[in-house]
Amino acid sequence: MNVDRAVMAFAGVMILVSVLLTWLVSPYWMLFTAFIGLNMLQAAFTGFCPAALIFRLFGVKAGCAFQ
């Protein structure tokens, strides 16, 4: 698995967790979902992704999107 796929998998898991927390706990968890979406949007335009940096520190090999 490369960094690109790891970031997408991590974002998907976080979105599903936030939707579950919204359904079970409080609608305010939708703010977390919005934060994830905004972070994905800015990463698409700037190429800067904090999750990609963390995955690289853990030794995940680089992909073509976050070099």
PDB file of N, CA and C in Angstrom:
ATOM      1  N   MET A   1       0.856  -1.180   0.000  1.00  0.00           N
ATOM      2  CA  MET A   1       0.000   0.000   0.000  1.00  0.00           C
ATOM      3  C   MET A   1       0.893   1.231   0.000  1.00  0.00           C
ATOM      4  N   ASN A   2       0.544   2.205  -0.831  1.00  0.00           N
ATOM      5  CA  ASN A   2       1.326   3.440  -0.853  1.00  0.00           C
ATOM      6  C   ASN A   2       0.589   4.537  -0.072  1.00  0.00           C
ATOM      7  N   VAL A   3       1.231   5.689   0.030  1.00  0.00           N
ATOM      8  CA  VAL A   3       0.687   6.799   0.824  1.00  0.00           C
ATOM      9  C   VAL A   3      -0.669   7.247   0.292  1.00  0.00           C
ATOM     10  N   ASP A   4      -0.817   7.304  -1.019  1.00  0.00           N
ATOM     11  CA  ASP A   4      -2.080   7.768  -1.604  1.00  0.00           C
ATOM     12  C   ASP A   4      -3.254   6.900  -1.153  1.00  0.00           C
ATOM     13  N   ARG A   5      -3.073   5.606  -1.262  1.00  0.00           N
ATOM     14  CA  ARG A   5      -4.145   4.687  -0.862  1.00  0.00           C
ATOM     15  C   ARG A   5      -4.372   4.699   0.636  1.00  0.00           C
ATOM     16  N   ALA A   6      -3.297   4.841   1.401  1.00  0.00           N
ATOM     17  CA  ALA A   6      -3.431   4.896   2.860  1.00  0.00           C
ATOM     18  C   ALA A   6      -4.213   6.136   3.289  1.00  0.00           C
ATOM     19  N   VAL A   7      -3.936   7.273   2.649  1.00  0.00           N
ATOM     20  CA  VAL A   7      -4.652   8.515   2.973  1.00  0.00           C
ATOM     21  C   VAL A   7      -6.133   8.381   2.631  1.00  0.00           C
ATOM     22  N   MET A   8      -6.422   7.818   1.466  1.00  0.00           N
ATOM     23  CA  MET A   8      -7.827   7.648   1.069  1.00  0.00           C
ATOM     24  C   MET A   8      -8.554   6.682   2.004  1.00  0.00           C
ATOM     25  N   ALA A   9      -7.896   5.609   2.391  1.00  0.00           N
ATOM     26  CA  ALA A   9      -8.509   4.654   3.320  1.00  0.00           C
ATOM     27  C   ALA A   9      -8.740   5.301   4.684  1.00  0.00           C
ATOM     28  N   PHE A  10      -7.761   6.054   5.152  1.00  0.00           N
ATOM     29  CA  PHE A  10      -7.886   6.731   6.445  1.00  0.00           C
ATOM     30  C   PHE A  10      -9.027   7.747   6.416  1.00  0.00           C
ATOM     31  N   ALA A  11      -9.112   8.527   5.349  1.00  0.00           N
ATOM     32  CA  ALA A  11     -10.194   9.517   5.232  1.00  0.00           C
ATOM     33  C   ALA A  11     -11.558   8.823   5.192  1.00  0.00           C
ATOM     34  N   GLY A  12     -11.642   7.730   4.471  1.00  0.00           N
ATOM     35  CA  GLY A  12     -12.901   6.987   4.410  1.00  0.00           C
ATOM     36  C   GLY A  12     -13.328   6.443   5.756  1.00  0.00           C
ATOM     37  N   VAL A  13     -12.376   5.901   6.499  1.00  0.00           N
ATOM     38  CA  VAL A  13     -12.688   5.381   7.843  1.00  0.00           C
ATOM     39  C   VAL A  13     -13.126   6.518   8.759  1.00  0.00           C
ATOM     40  N   MET A  14     -12.435   7.648   8.713  1.00  0.00           N
ATOM     41  CA  MET A  14     -12.798   8.776   9.571  1.00  0.00           C
ATOM     42  C   MET A  14     -14.193   9.306   9.231  1.00  0.00           C
ATOM     43  N   ILE A  15     -14.548   9.346   7.959  1.00  0.00           N
ATOM     44  CA  ILE A  15     -15.884   9.798   7.566  1.00  0.00           C
ATOM     45  C   ILE A  15     -16.941   8.831   8.079  1.00  0.00           C
ATOM     46  N   LEU A  16     -16.692   7.535   7.928  1.00  0.00           N
ATOM     47  CA  LEU A  16     -17.659   6.552   8.420  1.00  0.00           C
ATOM     48  C   LEU A  16     -17.803   6.608   9.940  1.00  0.00           C
ATOM     49  N   VAL A  17     -16.706   6.804  10.645  1.00  0.00           N
ATOM     50  CA  VAL A  17     -16.759   6.937  12.104  1.00  0.00           C
ATOM     51  C   VAL A  17     -17.552   8.175  12.493  1.00  0.00           C
ATOM     52  N   SER A  18     -17.328   9.290  11.800  1.00  0.00           N
ATOM     53  CA  SER A  18     -18.049  10.512  12.148  1.00  0.00           C
ATOM     54  C   SER A  18     -19.543  10.401  11.845  1.00  0.00           C
ATOM     55  N   VAL A  19     -19.897   9.698  10.763  1.00  0.00           N
ATOM     56  CA  VAL A  19     -21.314   9.483  10.462  1.00  0.00           C
ATOM     57  C   VAL A  19     -21.948   8.610  11.541  1.00  0.00           C
ATOM     58  N   LEU A  20     -21.241   7.573  11.967  1.00  0.00           N
ATOM     59  CA  LEU A  20     -21.750   6.716  13.039  1.00  0.00           C
ATOM     60  C   LEU A  20     -21.921   7.497  14.338  1.00  0.00           C
ATOM     61  N   LEU A  21     -20.941   8.329  14.674  1.00  0.00           N
ATOM     62  CA  LEU A  21     -21.050   9.143  15.892  1.00  0.00           C
ATOM     63  C   LEU A  21     -22.181  10.164  15.785  1.00  0.00           C
ATOM     64  N   THR A  22     -22.400  10.693  14.586  1.00  0.00           N
ATOM     65  CA  THR A  22     -23.527  11.612  14.384  1.00  0.00           C
ATOM     66  C   THR A  22     -24.841  10.901  14.645  1.00  0.00           C
ATOM     67  N   TRP A  23     -24.954   9.697  14.143  1.00  0.00           N
ATOM     68  CA  TRP A  23     -26.188   8.928  14.296  1.00  0.00           C
ATOM     69  C   TRP A  23     -26.411   8.480  15.733  1.00  0.00           C
ATOM     70  N   LEU A  24     -25.338   8.075  16.433  1.00  0.00           N
ATOM     71  CA  LEU A  24     -25.487   7.507  17.772  1.00  0.00           C
ATOM     72  C   LEU A  24     -25.357   8.520  18.904  1.00  0.00           C
ATOM     73  N   VAL A  25     -24.589   9.584  18.706  1.00  0.00           N
ATOM     74  CA  VAL A  25     -24.253  10.476  19.820  1.00  0.00           C
ATOM     75  C   VAL A  25     -24.877  11.857  19.672  1.00  0.00           C
ATOM     76  N   SER A  26     -24.451  12.585  18.644  1.00  0.00           N
ATOM     77  CA  SER A  26     -24.884  13.971  18.519  1.00  0.00           C
ATOM     78  C   SER A  26     -24.706  14.454  17.083  1.00  0.00           C
ATOM     79  N   PRO A  27     -25.614  15.292  16.603  1.00  0.00           N
ATOM     80  CA  PRO A  27     -25.455  15.838  15.257  1.00  0.00           C
ATOM     81  C   PRO A  27     -24.240  16.763  15.118  1.00  0.00           C
ATOM     82  N   TYR A  28     -23.683  17.202  16.224  1.00  0.00           N
ATOM     83  CA  TYR A  28     -22.502  18.064  16.162  1.00  0.00           C
ATOM     84  C   TYR A  28     -21.283  17.352  15.583  1.00  0.00           C
ATOM     85  N   TRP A  29     -21.309  16.022  15.538  1.00  0.00           N
ATOM     86  CA  TRP A  29     -20.213  15.277  14.919  1.00  0.00           C
ATOM     87  C   TRP A  29     -20.141  15.531  13.415  1.00  0.00           C
ATOM     88  N   MET A  30     -21.185  16.106  12.820  1.00  0.00           N
ATOM     89  CA  MET A  30     -21.126  16.460  11.406  1.00  0.00           C
ATOM     90  C   MET A  30     -20.053  17.530  11.150  1.00  0.00           C
ATOM     91  N   LEU A  31     -19.712  18.294  12.177  1.00  0.00           N
ATOM     92  CA  LEU A  31     -18.625  19.267  12.046  1.00  0.00           C
ATOM     93  C   LEU A  31     -17.304  18.548  11.768  1.00  0.00           C
ATOM     94  N   PHE A  32     -17.105  17.390  12.367  1.00  0.00           N
ATOM     95  CA  PHE A  32     -15.913  16.589  12.108  1.00  0.00           C
ATOM     96  C   PHE A  32     -15.902  16.104  10.657  1.00  0.00           C
ATOM     97  N   THR A  33     -17.057  15.695  10.173  1.00  0.00           N
ATOM     98  CA  THR A  33     -17.174  15.275   8.776  1.00  0.00           C
ATOM     99  C   THR A  33     -16.839  16.444   7.850  1.00  0.00           C
ATOM    100  N   ALA A  34     -17.332  17.621   8.169  1.00  0.00           N
ATOM    101  CA  ALA A  34     -17.037  18.812   7.365  1.00  0.00           C
ATOM    102  C   ALA A  34     -15.542  19.138   7.392  1.00  0.00           C
ATOM    103  N   PHE A  35     -14.913  18.984   8.542  1.00  0.00           N
ATOM    104  CA  PHE A  35     -13.469  19.222   8.664  1.00  0.00           C
ATOM    105  C   PHE A  35     -12.687  18.267   7.769  1.00  0.00           C
ATOM    106  N   ILE A  36     -13.087  17.012   7.749  1.00  0.00           N
ATOM    107  CA  ILE A  36     -12.414  16.028   6.901  1.00  0.00           C
ATOM    108  C   ILE A  36     -12.570  16.409   5.430  1.00  0.00           C
ATOM    109  N   GLY A  37     -13.778  16.797   5.050  1.00  0.00           N
ATOM    110  CA  GLY A  37     -14.024  17.202   3.670  1.00  0.00           C
ATOM    111  C   GLY A  37     -13.215  18.420   3.272  1.00  0.00           C
ATOM    112  N   LEU A  38     -13.148  19.410   4.145  1.00  0.00           N
ATOM    113  CA  LEU A  38     -12.359  20.611   3.853  1.00  0.00           C
ATOM    114  C   LEU A  38     -10.880  20.287   3.739  1.00  0.00           C
ATOM    115  N   ASN A  39     -10.390  19.385   4.590  1.00  0.00           N
ATOM    116  CA  ASN A  39      -8.987  18.989   4.525  1.00  0.00           C
ATOM    117  C   ASN A  39      -8.685  18.267   3.215  1.00  0.00           C
ATOM    118  N   MET A  40      -9.612  17.415   2.767  1.00  0.00           N
ATOM    119  CA  MET A  40      -9.419  16.728   1.489  1.00  0.00           C
ATOM    120  C   MET A  40      -9.427  17.718   0.325  1.00  0.00           C
ATOM    121  N   LEU A  41     -10.296  18.713   0.398  1.00  0.00           N
ATOM    122  CA  LEU A  41     -10.380  19.722  -0.652  1.00  0.00           C
ATOM    123  C   LEU A  41      -9.102  20.554  -0.731  1.00  0.00           C
ATOM    124  N   GLN A  42      -8.597  21.004   0.404  1.00  0.00           N
ATOM    125  CA  GLN A  42      -7.378  21.806   0.372  1.00  0.00           C
ATOM    126  C   GLN A  42      -6.186  20.957  -0.059  1.00  0.00           C
ATOM    127  N   ALA A  43      -6.155  19.685   0.286  1.00  0.00           N
ATOM    128  CA  ALA A  43      -5.062  18.816  -0.147  1.00  0.00           C
ATOM    129  C   ALA A  43      -5.082  18.629  -1.662  1.00  0.00           C
ATOM    130  N   ALA A  44      -6.255  18.617  -2.246  1.00  0.00           N
ATOM    131  CA  ALA A  44      -6.360  18.470  -3.700  1.00  0.00           C
ATOM    132  C   ALA A  44      -5.768  19.675  -4.417  1.00  0.00           C
ATOM    133  N   PHE A  45      -5.911  20.855  -3.830  1.00  0.00           N
ATOM    134  CA  PHE A  45      -5.416  22.068  -4.480  1.00  0.00           C
ATOM    135  C   PHE A  45      -3.974  22.404  -4.121  1.00  0.00           C
ATOM    136  N   THR A  46      -3.578  22.117  -2.871  1.00  0.00           N
ATOM    137  CA  THR A  46      -2.244  22.518  -2.430  1.00  0.00           C
ATOM    138  C   THR A  46      -1.231  21.385  -2.460  1.00  0.00           C
ATOM    139  N   GLY A  47      -1.690  20.142  -2.391  1.00  0.00           N
ATOM    140  CA  GLY A  47      -0.775  19.008  -2.317  1.00  0.00           C
ATOM    141  C   GLY A  47      -0.249  18.749  -0.924  1.00  0.00           C
ATOM    142  N   PHE A  48      -0.655  19.561   0.043  1.00  0.00           N
ATOM    143  CA  PHE A  48      -0.218  19.381   1.431  1.00  0.00           C
ATOM    144  C   PHE A  48      -1.268  18.580   2.194  1.00  0.00           C
ATOM    145  N   CYS A  49      -0.849  17.457   2.759  1.00  0.00           N
ATOM    146  CA  CYS A  49      -1.764  16.614   3.516  1.00  0.00           C
ATOM    147  C   CYS A  49      -1.055  16.142   4.785  1.00  0.00           C
ATOM    148  N   PRO A  50      -1.537  16.559   5.962  1.00  0.00           N
ATOM    149  CA  PRO A  50      -0.905  16.129   7.208  1.00  0.00           C
ATOM    150  C   PRO A  50      -0.900  14.605   7.377  1.00  0.00           C
ATOM    151  N   ALA A  51      -1.963  13.945   6.953  1.00  0.00           N
ATOM    152  CA  ALA A  51      -2.008  12.481   7.079  1.00  0.00           C
ATOM    153  C   ALA A  51      -0.923  11.831   6.226  1.00  0.00           C
ATOM    154  N   ALA A  52      -0.664  12.376   5.040  1.00  0.00           N
ATOM    155  CA  ALA A  52       0.381  11.828   4.175  1.00  0.00           C
ATOM    156  C   ALA A  52       1.748  11.959   4.840  1.00  0.00           C
ATOM    157  N   LEU A  53       1.985  13.077   5.511  1.00  0.00           N
ATOM    158  CA  LEU A  53       3.252  13.258   6.212  1.00  0.00           C
ATOM    159  C   LEU A  53       3.422  12.224   7.325  1.00  0.00           C
ATOM    160  N   ILE A  54       2.354  11.976   8.048  1.00  0.00           N
ATOM    161  CA  ILE A  54       2.403  11.004   9.148  1.00  0.00           C
ATOM    162  C   ILE A  54       2.620   9.591   8.610  1.00  0.00           C
ATOM    163  N   PHE A  55       1.919   9.235   7.536  1.00  0.00           N
ATOM    164  CA  PHE A  55       2.114   7.907   6.953  1.00  0.00           C
ATOM    165  C   PHE A  55       3.544   7.733   6.444  1.00  0.00           C
ATOM    166  N   ARG A  56       4.130   8.791   5.875  1.00  0.00           N
ATOM    167  CA  ARG A  56       5.519   8.708   5.422  1.00  0.00           C
ATOM    168  C   ARG A  56       6.475   8.501   6.592  1.00  0.00           C
ATOM    169  N   LEU A  57       6.173   9.144   7.732  1.00  0.00           N
ATOM    170  CA  LEU A  57       7.011   8.938   8.916  1.00  0.00           C
ATOM    171  C   LEU A  57       6.967   7.489   9.394  1.00  0.00           C
ATOM    172  N   PHE A  58       5.837   6.823   9.163  1.00  0.00           N
ATOM    173  CA  PHE A  58       5.706   5.417   9.543  1.00  0.00           C
ATOM    174  C   PHE A  58       6.309   4.478   8.503  1.00  0.00           C
ATOM    175  N   GLY A  59       6.863   5.032   7.434  1.00  0.00           N
ATOM    176  CA  GLY A  59       7.562   4.233   6.453  1.00  0.00           C
ATOM    177  C   GLY A  59       6.728   3.725   5.301  1.00  0.00           C
ATOM    178  N   VAL A  60       5.527   4.264   5.108  1.00  0.00           N
ATOM    179  CA  VAL A  60       4.717   3.865   3.960  1.00  0.00           C
ATOM    180  C   VAL A  60       5.348   4.482   2.713  1.00  0.00           C
ATOM    181  N   LYS A  61       5.492   3.669   1.664  1.00  0.00           N
ATOM    182  CA  LYS A  61       6.162   4.152   0.456  1.00  0.00           C
ATOM    183  C   LYS A  61       5.321   5.213  -0.254  1.00  0.00           C
ATOM    184  N   ALA A  62       6.005   6.115  -0.916  1.00  0.00           N
ATOM    185  CA  ALA A  62       5.352   7.252  -1.563  1.00  0.00           C
ATOM    186  C   ALA A  62       4.552   6.814  -2.783  1.00  0.00           C
ATOM    187  N   GLY A  63       3.465   7.547  -3.015  1.00  0.00           N
ATOM    188  CA  GLY A  63       2.675   7.362  -4.222  1.00  0.00           C
ATOM    189  C   GLY A  63       2.894   8.542  -5.143  1.00  0.00           C
ATOM    190  N   CYS A  64       2.082   8.653  -6.174  1.00  0.00           N
ATOM    191  CA  CYS A  64       2.297   9.743  -7.138  1.00  0.00           C
ATOM    192  C   CYS A  64       1.626  11.045  -6.713  1.00  0.00           C
ATOM    193  N   ALA A  65       0.625  11.012  -5.829  1.00  0.00           N
ATOM    194  CA  ALA A  65      -0.101  12.232  -5.476  1.00  0.00           C
ATOM    195  C   ALA A  65       0.620  13.063  -4.429  1.00  0.00           C
ATOM    196  N   PHE A  66       1.183  12.434  -3.426  1.00  0.00           N
ATOM    197  CA  PHE A  66       1.807  13.170  -2.306  1.00  0.00           C
ATOM    198  C   PHE A  66       3.314  12.910  -2.304  1.00  0.00           C
ATOM    199  N   GLN A  67       4.032  13.530  -3.226  1.00  0.00           N
ATOM    200  CA  GLN A  67       5.476  13.337  -3.298  1.00  0.00           C
ATOM    201  C   GLN A  67       6.194  14.502  -2.696  1.00  0.00           C
TER     202      GLN A  67
END
